[in-house]
C-alpha atoms as a PDB file:
ATOM      1  CA  UNK A   1     175.526 200.244  70.533  1.00  0.00           C
ATOM      2  CA  UNK A   2     175.155 197.118  68.412  1.00  0.00           C
ATOM      3  CA  UNK A   3     174.112 195.168  71.504  1.00  0.00           C
ATOM      4  CA  UNK A   4     170.965 197.213  72.056  1.00  0.00           C
ATOM      5  CA  UNK A   5     167.528 197.363  70.476  1.00  0.00           C
ATOM      6  CA  UNK A   6     165.893 200.784  70.303  1.00  0.00           C
ATOM      7  CA  UNK A   7     162.659 200.930  72.286  1.00  0.00           C
ATOM      8  CA  UNK A   8     162.221 204.657  71.600  1.00  0.00           C
ATOM      9  CA  UNK A   9     159.195 205.451  69.461  1.00  0.00           C
ATOM     10  CA  UNK A  10     157.888 201.889  69.533  1.00  0.00           C
ATOM     11  CA  UNK A  11     154.237 200.899  69.959  1.00  0.00           C
ATOM     12  CA  UNK A  12     154.008 198.572  72.964  1.00  0.00           C
ATOM     13  CA  UNK A  13     150.914 196.587  73.986  1.00  0.00           C
ATOM     14  CA  UNK A  14     150.811 195.311  77.577  1.00  0.00           C
ATOM     15  CA  UNK A  15     148.118 193.037  79.011  1.00  0.00           C
ATOM     16  CA  UNK A  16     147.455 192.851  82.738  1.00  0.00           C
ATOM     17  CA  UNK A  17     148.528 196.493  82.879  1.00  0.00           C
ATOM     18  CA  UNK A  18     146.267 197.695  85.694  1.00  0.00           C
ATOM     19  CA  UNK A  19     148.337 196.423  88.642  1.00  0.00           C
ATOM     20  CA  UNK A  20     151.542 194.652  89.627  1.00  0.00           C
ATOM     21  CA  UNK A  21     154.236 193.926  87.071  1.00  0.00           C
ATOM     22  CA  UNK A  22     152.149 195.186  84.149  1.00  0.00           C
ATOM     23  CA  UNK A  23     151.453 198.578  85.724  1.00  0.00           C
ATOM     24  CA  UNK A  24     155.078 198.987  86.808  1.00  0.00           C
ATOM     25  CA  UNK A  25     156.272 197.990  83.354  1.00  0.00           C
ATOM     26  CA  UNK A  26     154.069 200.612  81.674  1.00  0.00           C
ATOM     27  CA  UNK A  27     155.079 203.379  84.080  1.00  0.00           C
ATOM     28  CA  UNK A  28     158.791 202.526  83.948  1.00  0.00           C
ATOM     29  CA  UNK A  29     158.764 202.381  80.152  1.00  0.00           C
ATOM     30  CA  UNK A  30     157.082 205.799  80.020  1.00  0.00           C
ATOM     31  CA  UNK A  31     159.740 207.270  82.313  1.00  0.00           C
ATOM     32  CA  UNK A  32     162.647 205.791  80.364  1.00  0.00           C
ATOM     33  CA  UNK A  33     161.189 206.217  76.860  1.00  0.00           C
ATOM     34  CA  UNK A  34     158.540 208.973  76.943  1.00  0.00           C
ATOM     35  CA  UNK A  35     158.193 208.975  73.143  1.00  0.00           C
ATOM     36  CA  UNK A  36     156.815 205.427  73.022  1.00  0.00           C
ATOM     37  CA  UNK A  37     153.143 204.691  72.426  1.00  0.00           C
ATOM     38  CA  UNK A  38     151.398 202.395  74.885  1.00  0.00           C
ATOM     39  CA  UNK A  39     148.326 200.199  74.571  1.00  0.00           C
ATOM     40  CA  UNK A  40     147.226 199.126  78.050  1.00  0.00           C
ATOM     41  CA  UNK A  41     144.752 196.295  78.555  1.00  0.00           C
ATOM     42  CA  UNK A  42     143.109 194.755  81.623  1.00  0.00           C
ATOM     43  CA  UNK A  43     139.589 194.234  82.955  1.00  0.00           C
ATOM     44  CA  UNK A  44     139.520 197.113  85.441  1.00  0.00           C
ATOM     45  CA  UNK A  45     139.158 200.351  83.485  1.00  0.00           C
ATOM     46  CA  UNK A  46     139.448 202.593  86.553  1.00  0.00           C
ATOM     47  CA  UNK A  47     142.831 201.145  87.517  1.00  0.00           C
ATOM     48  CA  UNK A  48     143.942 201.189  83.885  1.00  0.00           C
ATOM     49  CA  UNK A  49     143.155 204.892  83.619  1.00  0.00           C
ATOM     50  CA  UNK A  50     145.225 205.591  86.740  1.00  0.00           C
ATOM     51  CA  UNK A  51     148.235 203.838  85.212  1.00  0.00           C
ATOM     52  CA  UNK A  52     147.617 205.538  81.865  1.00  0.00           C
ATOM     53  CA  UNK A  53     147.511 208.985  83.467  1.00  0.00           C
ATOM     54  CA  UNK A  54     150.802 208.293  85.248  1.00  0.00           C
ATOM     55  CA  UNK A  55     152.318 207.440  81.862  1.00  0.00           C
ATOM     56  CA  UNK A  56     150.779 210.476  80.159  1.00  0.00           C
ATOM     57  CA  UNK A  57     152.438 212.719  82.724  1.00  0.00           C
ATOM     58  CA  UNK A  58     155.738 211.641  81.154  1.00  0.00           C
ATOM     59  CA  UNK A  59     154.484 212.755  77.732  1.00  0.00           C
ATOM     60  CA  UNK A  60     153.631 209.256  76.540  1.00  0.00           C
ATOM     61  CA  UNK A  61     150.614 208.664  74.301  1.00  0.00           C
ATOM     62  CA  UNK A  62     148.411 205.931  75.782  1.00  0.00           C
ATOM     63  CA  UNK A  63     145.427 203.967  74.481  1.00  0.00           C
ATOM     64  CA  UNK A  64     143.369 202.228  77.178  1.00  0.00           C
ATOM     65  CA  UNK A  65     141.400 199.153  76.097  1.00  0.00           C
ATOM     66  CA  UNK A  66     139.413 197.382  78.853  1.00  0.00           C
ATOM     67  CA  UNK A  67     139.653 193.695  77.953  1.00  0.00           C
ATOM     68  CA  UNK A  68     138.526 190.387  79.425  1.00  0.00           C
ATOM     69  CA  UNK A  69     141.059 187.859  78.151  1.00  0.00           C
ATOM     70  CA  UNK A  70     138.627 184.998  78.733  1.00  0.00           C
ATOM     71  CA  UNK A  71     136.553 186.359  75.830  1.00  0.00           C
ATOM     72  CA  UNK A  72     138.273 185.690  72.469  1.00  0.00           C
ATOM     73  CA  UNK A  73     136.148 188.351  70.758  1.00  0.00           C
ATOM     74  CA  UNK A  74     137.446 190.987  73.195  1.00  0.00           C
ATOM     75  CA  UNK A  75     141.036 189.840  72.677  1.00  0.00           C
ATOM     76  CA  UNK A  76     140.680 190.164  68.907  1.00  0.00           C
ATOM     77  CA  UNK A  77     139.019 193.562  69.364  1.00  0.00           C
ATOM     78  CA  UNK A  78     141.999 194.658  71.491  1.00  0.00           C
ATOM     79  CA  UNK A  79     144.394 193.884  68.646  1.00  0.00           C
ATOM     80  CA  UNK A  80     142.105 195.618  66.153  1.00  0.00           C
ATOM     81  CA  UNK A  81     141.800 198.781  68.263  1.00  0.00           C
ATOM     82  CA  UNK A  82     145.564 198.952  68.784  1.00  0.00           C
ATOM     83  CA  UNK A  83     146.219 198.644  65.053  1.00  0.00           C
ATOM     84  CA  UNK A  84     143.486 201.089  64.094  1.00  0.00           C
ATOM     85  CA  UNK A  85     144.796 203.674  66.569  1.00  0.00           C
ATOM     86  CA  UNK A  86     148.566 203.380  66.121  1.00  0.00           C
ATOM     87  CA  UNK A  87     148.887 201.501  62.828  1.00  0.00           C
ATOM     88  CA  UNK A  88     151.150 198.801  64.239  1.00  0.00           C
ATOM     89  CA  UNK A  89     152.358 197.004  67.359  1.00  0.00           C
ATOM     90  CA  UNK A  90     156.122 196.606  67.684  1.00  0.00           C
ATOM     91  CA  UNK A  91     156.307 194.931  71.087  1.00  0.00           C
ATOM     92  CA  UNK A  92     153.641 192.686  72.616  1.00  0.00           C
ATOM     93  CA  UNK A  93     153.911 191.917  76.327  1.00  0.00           C
ATOM     94  CA  UNK A  94     151.619 189.057  77.343  1.00  0.00           C
ATOM     95  CA  UNK A  95     151.713 189.787  81.057  1.00  0.00           C
ATOM     96  CA  UNK A  96     148.169 189.052  82.250  1.00  0.00           C
ATOM     97  CA  UNK A  97     147.862 186.108  84.593  1.00  0.00           C
ATOM     98  CA  UNK A  98     146.747 184.857  87.974  1.00  0.00           C
ATOM     99  CA  UNK A  99     147.184 181.726  90.076  1.00  0.00           C
ATOM    100  CA  UNK A 100     144.468 179.146  90.669  1.00  0.00           C
ATOM    101  CA  UNK A 101     145.669 177.453  93.838  1.00  0.00           C
ATOM    102  CA  UNK A 102     144.467 174.175  95.289  1.00  0.00           C
ATOM    103  CA  UNK A 103     144.964 170.420  94.827  1.00  0.00           C
ATOM    104  CA  UNK A 104     144.130 169.263  91.308  1.00  0.00           C
ATOM    105  CA  UNK A 105     141.340 166.992  92.597  1.00  0.00           C
ATOM    106  CA  UNK A 106     139.326 169.906  93.962  1.00  0.00           C
ATOM    107  CA  UNK A 107     139.595 172.498  91.186  1.00  0.00           C
ATOM    108  CA  UNK A 108     136.289 172.772  89.279  1.00  0.00           C
ATOM    109  CA  UNK A 109     136.327 172.442  85.502  1.00  0.00           C
ATOM    110  CA  UNK A 110     135.182 176.046  85.119  1.00  0.00           C
ATOM    111  CA  UNK A 111     138.154 177.258  87.197  1.00  0.00           C
ATOM    112  CA  UNK A 112     140.545 175.168  85.086  1.00  0.00           C
ATOM    113  CA  UNK A 113     139.113 176.680  81.921  1.00  0.00           C
ATOM    114  CA  UNK A 114     139.418 180.213  83.282  1.00  0.00           C
ATOM    115  CA  UNK A 115     143.013 179.617  84.411  1.00  0.00           C
ATOM    116  CA  UNK A 116     144.015 178.563  80.908  1.00  0.00           C
ATOM    117  CA  UNK A 117     141.882 181.248  79.255  1.00  0.00           C
ATOM    118  CA  UNK A 118     143.718 184.033  81.093  1.00  0.00           C
ATOM    119  CA  UNK A 119     147.219 182.577  81.329  1.00  0.00           C
ATOM    120  CA  UNK A 120     147.435 180.838  77.952  1.00  0.00           C
ATOM    121  CA  UNK A 121     144.552 181.139  75.482  1.00  0.00           C
ATOM    122  CA  UNK A 122     144.334 184.929  75.763  1.00  0.00           C
ATOM    123  CA  UNK A 123     148.049 185.284  75.047  1.00  0.00           C
ATOM    124  CA  UNK A 124     147.808 182.823  72.154  1.00  0.00           C
ATOM    125  CA  UNK A 125     144.846 184.594  70.544  1.00  0.00           C
ATOM    126  CA  UNK A 126     146.445 188.029  70.879  1.00  0.00           C
ATOM    127  CA  UNK A 127     149.761 186.785  69.529  1.00  0.00           C
ATOM    128  CA  UNK A 128     148.073 185.175  66.523  1.00  0.00           C
ATOM    129  CA  UNK A 129     146.282 188.450  65.795  1.00  0.00           C
ATOM    130  CA  UNK A 130     149.482 190.514  65.861  1.00  0.00           C
ATOM    131  CA  UNK A 131     152.007 188.219  64.157  1.00  0.00           C
ATOM    132  CA  UNK A 132     150.883 189.223  60.622  1.00  0.00           C
ATOM    133  CA  UNK A 133     151.600 192.928  61.180  1.00  0.00           C
ATOM    134  CA  UNK A 134     154.991 192.155  62.753  1.00  0.00           C
ATOM    135  CA  UNK A 135     155.802 189.783  59.903  1.00  0.00           C
ATOM    136  CA  UNK A 136     154.814 192.334  57.263  1.00  0.00           C
ATOM    137  CA  UNK A 137     156.911 195.100  58.851  1.00  0.00           C
ATOM    138  CA  UNK A 138     159.897 192.787  59.153  1.00  0.00           C
ATOM    139  CA  UNK A 139     160.348 192.946  62.930  1.00  0.00           C
ATOM    140  CA  UNK A 140     158.677 192.585  66.283  1.00  0.00           C
ATOM    141  CA  UNK A 141     159.075 191.380  69.841  1.00  0.00           C
ATOM    142  CA  UNK A 142     156.786 189.046  71.742  1.00  0.00           C
ATOM    143  CA  UNK A 143     157.428 189.009  75.480  1.00  0.00           C
ATOM    144  CA  UNK A 144     155.642 186.288  77.417  1.00  0.00           C
ATOM    145  CA  UNK A 145     155.642 186.714  81.186  1.00  0.00           C
ATOM    146  CA  UNK A 146     155.754 183.201  82.580  1.00  0.00           C
ATOM    147  CA  UNK A 147     157.046 182.196  86.027  1.00  0.00           C
ATOM    148  CA  UNK A 148     159.494 179.927  87.775  1.00  0.00           C
ATOM    149  CA  UNK A 149     156.330 177.823  88.001  1.00  0.00           C
ATOM    150  CA  UNK A 150     156.585 177.405  84.242  1.00  0.00           C
ATOM    151  CA  UNK A 151     159.884 175.562  84.684  1.00  0.00           C
ATOM    152  CA  UNK A 152     159.293 173.808  88.006  1.00  0.00           C
ATOM    153  CA  UNK A 153     155.888 172.229  88.776  1.00  0.00           C
ATOM    154  CA  UNK A 154     154.648 173.189  92.228  1.00  0.00           C
ATOM    155  CA  UNK A 155     152.079 171.137  94.162  1.00  0.00           C
ATOM    156  CA  UNK A 156     148.976 173.060  95.207  1.00  0.00           C
ATOM    157  CA  UNK A 157     149.865 175.543  92.454  1.00  0.00           C
ATOM    158  CA  UNK A 158     149.669 172.766  89.885  1.00  0.00           C
ATOM    159  CA  UNK A 159     147.034 174.265  87.619  1.00  0.00           C
ATOM    160  CA  UNK A 160     148.985 177.537  87.505  1.00  0.00           C
ATOM    161  CA  UNK A 161     152.144 175.595  86.623  1.00  0.00           C
ATOM    162  CA  UNK A 162     150.273 173.705  83.893  1.00  0.00           C
ATOM    163  CA  UNK A 163     149.159 176.969  82.281  1.00  0.00           C
ATOM    164  CA  UNK A 164     152.655 178.453  82.475  1.00  0.00           C
ATOM    165  CA  UNK A 165     154.277 175.288  81.089  1.00  0.00           C
ATOM    166  CA  UNK A 166     151.916 175.686  78.123  1.00  0.00           C
ATOM    167  CA  UNK A 167     153.007 179.313  77.698  1.00  0.00           C
ATOM    168  CA  UNK A 168     156.659 178.242  77.813  1.00  0.00           C
ATOM    169  CA  UNK A 169     156.084 175.620  75.109  1.00  0.00           C
ATOM    170  CA  UNK A 170     154.219 178.154  72.969  1.00  0.00           C
ATOM    171  CA  UNK A 171     157.145 180.555  73.322  1.00  0.00           C
ATOM    172  CA  UNK A 172     159.678 177.933  72.236  1.00  0.00           C
ATOM    173  CA  UNK A 173     157.645 177.046  69.155  1.00  0.00           C
ATOM    174  CA  UNK A 174     157.076 180.699  68.226  1.00  0.00           C
ATOM    175  CA  UNK A 175     160.780 181.478  68.641  1.00  0.00           C
ATOM    176  CA  UNK A 176     161.623 178.833  66.036  1.00  0.00           C
ATOM    177  CA  UNK A 177     158.762 179.616  63.659  1.00  0.00           C
ATOM    178  CA  UNK A 178     159.201 183.391  63.661  1.00  0.00           C
ATOM    179  CA  UNK A 179     162.987 183.749  63.532  1.00  0.00           C
ATOM    180  CA  UNK A 180     162.955 184.104  59.734  1.00  0.00           C
ATOM    181  CA  UNK A 181     160.704 187.164  60.081  1.00  0.00           C
ATOM    182  CA  UNK A 182     162.986 188.894  62.621  1.00  0.00           C
ATOM    183  CA  UNK A 183     160.382 188.496  65.363  1.00  0.00           C
ATOM    184  CA  UNK A 184     162.106 187.824  68.694  1.00  0.00           C
ATOM    185  CA  UNK A 185     160.325 185.831  71.394  1.00  0.00           C
ATOM    186  CA  UNK A 186     161.411 186.408  74.988  1.00  0.00           C
ATOM    187  CA  UNK A 187     160.205 184.559  78.083  1.00  0.00           C
ATOM    188  CA  UNK A 188     160.334 186.361  81.424  1.00  0.00           C
ATOM    189  CA  UNK A 189     160.306 184.040  84.442  1.00  0.00           C
ATOM    190  CA  UNK A 190     159.766 185.968  87.681  1.00  0.00           C
ATOM    191  CA  UNK A 191     160.111 184.332  91.038  1.00  0.00           C
ATOM    192  CA  UNK A 192     158.217 185.774  94.012  1.00  0.00           C
ATOM    193  CA  UNK A 193     157.149 189.362  93.365  1.00  0.00           C
ATOM    194  CA  UNK A 194     155.652 191.618  96.030  1.00  0.00           C
ATOM    195  CA  UNK A 195     152.217 192.137  94.464  1.00  0.00           C
ATOM    196  CA  UNK A 196     148.661 191.036  95.240  1.00  0.00           C
ATOM    197  CA  UNK A 197     149.288 187.700  93.489  1.00  0.00           C
ATOM    198  CA  UNK A 198     148.852 185.407  96.496  1.00  0.00           C
ATOM    199  CA  UNK A 199     146.042 187.466  98.009  1.00  0.00           C
ATOM    200  CA  UNK A 200     144.164 187.206  94.722  1.00  0.00           C
ATOM    201  CA  UNK A 201     144.998 183.495  94.567  1.00  0.00           C
ATOM    202  CA  UNK A 202     143.587 182.969  98.054  1.00  0.00           C
ATOM    203  CA  UNK A 203     140.393 184.816  97.160  1.00  0.00           C
ATOM    204  CA  UNK A 204     140.048 182.538  94.111  1.00  0.00           C
ATOM    205  CA  UNK A 205     140.386 179.500  96.388  1.00  0.00           C
ATOM    206  CA  UNK A 206     137.563 180.772  98.570  1.00  0.00           C
ATOM    207  CA  UNK A 207     135.346 181.303  95.512  1.00  0.00           C
ATOM    208  CA  UNK A 208     136.139 178.109  93.620  1.00  0.00           C
ATOM    209  CA  UNK A 209     136.678 175.675  96.515  1.00  0.00           C
ATOM    210  CA  UNK A 210     134.369 177.035  99.251  1.00  0.00           C
ATOM    211  CA  UNK A 211     134.430 173.860 101.379  1.00  0.00           C
ATOM    212  CA  UNK A 212     138.211 173.431 101.296  1.00  0.00           C
ATOM    213  CA  UNK A 213     138.511 173.249 105.100  1.00  0.00           C
ATOM    214  CA  UNK A 214     136.330 170.130 105.138  1.00  0.00           C
ATOM    215  CA  UNK A 215     138.535 168.155 102.734  1.00  0.00           C
ATOM    216  CA  UNK A 216     141.536 165.896 103.444  1.00  0.00           C
ATOM    217  CA  UNK A 217     143.657 168.730 102.031  1.00  0.00           C
ATOM    218  CA  UNK A 218     142.733 171.174 104.822  1.00  0.00           C
ATOM    219  CA  UNK A 219     146.361 171.455 106.113  1.00  0.00           C
ATOM    220  CA  UNK A 220     147.487 172.501 102.635  1.00  0.00           C
ATOM    221  CA  UNK A 221     145.005 175.368 102.530  1.00  0.00           C
ATOM    222  CA  UNK A 222     146.221 176.649 105.892  1.00  0.00           C
ATOM    223  CA  UNK A 223     149.709 176.667 104.428  1.00  0.00           C
ATOM    224  CA  UNK A 224     148.571 178.658 101.364  1.00  0.00           C
ATOM    225  CA  UNK A 225     147.466 181.475 103.660  1.00  0.00           C
ATOM    226  CA  UNK A 226     150.958 181.652 105.169  1.00  0.00           C
ATOM    227  CA  UNK A 227     152.921 181.425 101.906  1.00  0.00           C
ATOM    228  CA  UNK A 228     152.268 185.052 100.975  1.00  0.00           C
ATOM    229  CA  UNK A 229     154.137 186.448 103.986  1.00  0.00           C
ATOM    230  CA  UNK A 230     156.965 183.911 103.542  1.00  0.00           C
ATOM    231  CA  UNK A 231     157.542 184.777  99.897  1.00  0.00           C
ATOM    232  CA  UNK A 232     157.354 188.535 100.468  1.00  0.00           C
ATOM    233  CA  UNK A 233     160.651 188.213 102.344  1.00  0.00           C
ATOM    234  CA  UNK A 234     162.258 186.767  99.193  1.00  0.00           C
ATOM    235  CA  UNK A 235     160.275 188.656  96.590  1.00  0.00           C
ATOM    236  CA  UNK A 236     161.394 191.364  94.220  1.00  0.00           C
ATOM    237  CA  UNK A 237     159.406 194.551  93.907  1.00  0.00           C
ATOM    238  CA  UNK A 238     157.235 194.947  90.821  1.00  0.00           C
ATOM    239  CA  UNK A 239     159.410 197.931  89.890  1.00  0.00           C
ATOM    240  CA  UNK A 240     162.632 195.901  89.952  1.00  0.00           C
ATOM    241  CA  UNK A 241     160.985 193.155  87.919  1.00  0.00           C
ATOM    242  CA  UNK A 242     159.832 195.765  85.393  1.00  0.00           C
ATOM    243  CA  UNK A 243     163.316 197.269  85.085  1.00  0.00           C
ATOM    244  CA  UNK A 244     164.898 193.869  84.470  1.00  0.00           C
ATOM    245  CA  UNK A 245     162.211 193.028  81.920  1.00  0.00           C
ATOM    246  CA  UNK A 246     162.933 196.250  80.028  1.00  0.00           C
ATOM    247  CA  UNK A 247     166.650 195.428  80.037  1.00  0.00           C
ATOM    248  CA  UNK A 248     165.826 192.079  78.425  1.00  0.00           C
ATOM    249  CA  UNK A 249     163.592 193.687  75.793  1.00  0.00           C
ATOM    250  CA  UNK A 250     166.324 196.222  74.974  1.00  0.00           C
ATOM    251  CA  UNK A 251     168.883 193.534  74.081  1.00  0.00           C
ATOM    252  CA  UNK A 252     169.606 193.332  70.367  1.00  0.00           C
ATOM    253  CA  UNK A 253     169.888 189.555  70.615  1.00  0.00           C
ATOM    254  CA  UNK A 254     167.941 188.623  73.739  1.00  0.00           C
ATOM    255  CA  UNK A 255     168.217 185.240  75.369  1.00  0.00           C
ATOM    256  CA  UNK A 256     165.187 182.957  75.047  1.00  0.00           C
ATOM    257  CA  UNK A 257     164.592 183.174  78.818  1.00  0.00           C
ATOM    258  CA  UNK A 258     165.328 185.512  81.693  1.00  0.00           C
ATOM    259  CA  UNK A 259     164.903 184.264  85.258  1.00  0.00           C
ATOM    260  CA  UNK A 260     164.063 187.215  87.492  1.00  0.00           C
ATOM    261  CA  UNK A 261     164.543 185.924  91.021  1.00  0.00           C
ATOM    262  CA  UNK A 262     167.279 185.963  93.623  1.00  0.00           C
ATOM    263  CA  UNK A 263     168.979 182.581  93.303  1.00  0.00           C
ATOM    264  CA  UNK A 264     166.497 181.627  90.598  1.00  0.00           C
ATOM    265  CA  UNK A 265     169.045 180.315  88.100  1.00  0.00           C
ATOM    266  CA  UNK A 266     170.560 178.036  90.719  1.00  0.00           C
ATOM    267  CA  UNK A 267     167.099 176.863  91.831  1.00  0.00           C
ATOM    268  CA  UNK A 268     166.070 175.926  88.293  1.00  0.00           C
ATOM    269  CA  UNK A 269     169.427 174.204  87.708  1.00  0.00           C
ATOM    270  CA  UNK A 270     169.108 172.160  90.889  1.00  0.00           C
ATOM    271  CA  UNK A 271     165.464 171.282  90.368  1.00  0.00           C
ATOM    272  CA  UNK A 272     165.741 170.344  86.701  1.00  0.00           C
ATOM    273  CA  UNK A 273     169.315 169.078  86.259  1.00  0.00           C
ATOM    274  CA  UNK A 274     170.799 167.930  89.563  1.00  0.00           C
ATOM    275  CA  UNK A 275     168.433 166.652  92.231  1.00  0.00           C
ATOM    276  CA  UNK A 276     166.681 163.308  91.754  1.00  0.00           C
ATOM    277  CA  UNK A 277     162.907 163.414  91.442  1.00  0.00           C
ATOM    278  CA  UNK A 278     162.373 161.955  94.915  1.00  0.00           C
ATOM    279  CA  UNK A 279     164.319 164.781  96.594  1.00  0.00           C
ATOM    280  CA  UNK A 280     162.572 167.440  94.517  1.00  0.00           C
ATOM    281  CA  UNK A 281     159.214 165.980  95.456  1.00  0.00           C
ATOM    282  CA  UNK A 282     160.122 165.923  99.149  1.00  0.00           C
ATOM    283  CA  UNK A 283     161.280 169.552  99.100  1.00  0.00           C
ATOM    284  CA  UNK A 284     158.147 170.935  97.449  1.00  0.00           C
ATOM    285  CA  UNK A 285     155.793 168.734  99.477  1.00  0.00           C
ATOM    286  CA  UNK A 286     157.234 170.211 102.655  1.00  0.00           C
ATOM    287  CA  UNK A 287     157.309 173.775 101.311  1.00  0.00           C
ATOM    288  CA  UNK A 288     153.634 173.686 100.341  1.00  0.00           C
ATOM    289  CA  UNK A 289     152.539 171.604 103.333  1.00  0.00           C
ATOM    290  CA  UNK A 290     151.527 168.556 101.297  1.00  0.00           C
ATOM    291  CA  UNK A 291     153.357 166.309 103.766  1.00  0.00           C
ATOM    292  CA  UNK A 292     150.760 167.272 106.402  1.00  0.00           C
ATOM    293  CA  UNK A 293     147.894 165.646 104.509  1.00  0.00           C
ATOM    294  CA  UNK A 294     146.405 162.760 106.474  1.00  0.00           C
ATOM    295  CA  UNK A 295     144.936 159.683 104.815  1.00  0.00           C
ATOM    296  CA  UNK A 296     141.200 159.378 105.426  1.00  0.00           C
ATOM    297  CA  UNK A 297     140.813 156.235 107.522  1.00  0.00           C
ATOM    298  CA  UNK A 298     137.021 156.328 107.160  1.00  0.00           C
END
């Protein structure tokens, strides 16, 4: 009993709640703890309402707040609406995120800014807005959904890794700064998850790097298209990822990090503690097809 934290009755705010891990997390929480109160945020209101209705069928009270995390004013308004409606937020889950794929050289400045706005700045702004209420009530939980890419830098997914490394650093600092106030900070690090992540990432490539096939990196982009099907074989379902995330939240004294991937702990250990840099580089270059890049002789 002393090893668990009671989620029942808590007010939980989840970003990126319209699809994937966020939607599964909301629906699973509602099934397991129907007396909680949920604040669900994402850009797509129609999809949010679908998730909210699924949660309401369990008897859970839900507030839907359509939010664009790239707009700081909307992020602050999200926090304000949650507090005005429920009076507090006990658990914040910064789940929203997407992957900007492509070699660093080719990613436009605007795409870099958007990647960090969604994956890092939005989470930072929302966290800053909600820390005071958690501090004043003497408790709270901040759950930042990062990635294995926040521990291991991946070529071609470099900008995504950069944004997740920033989120990891933020989490470490917050964990130290907020311990006195009984605010726990938990990092969730999923590996491959069977969602629309890579399909969305590929659509972003087509929008932000429209002439990718004409660059020296063309072989890499062909490989990106194939990665989705490869990783689906290894990936966890969004539902399994949600269940494991809830188990982490429910720990009385949670670990700073939870790797949610088959073989993920061993992978991180090998890639950060054991293998020399040259071998790590060779592995990821081959996995992402970087070794196929040809030098332009012109």
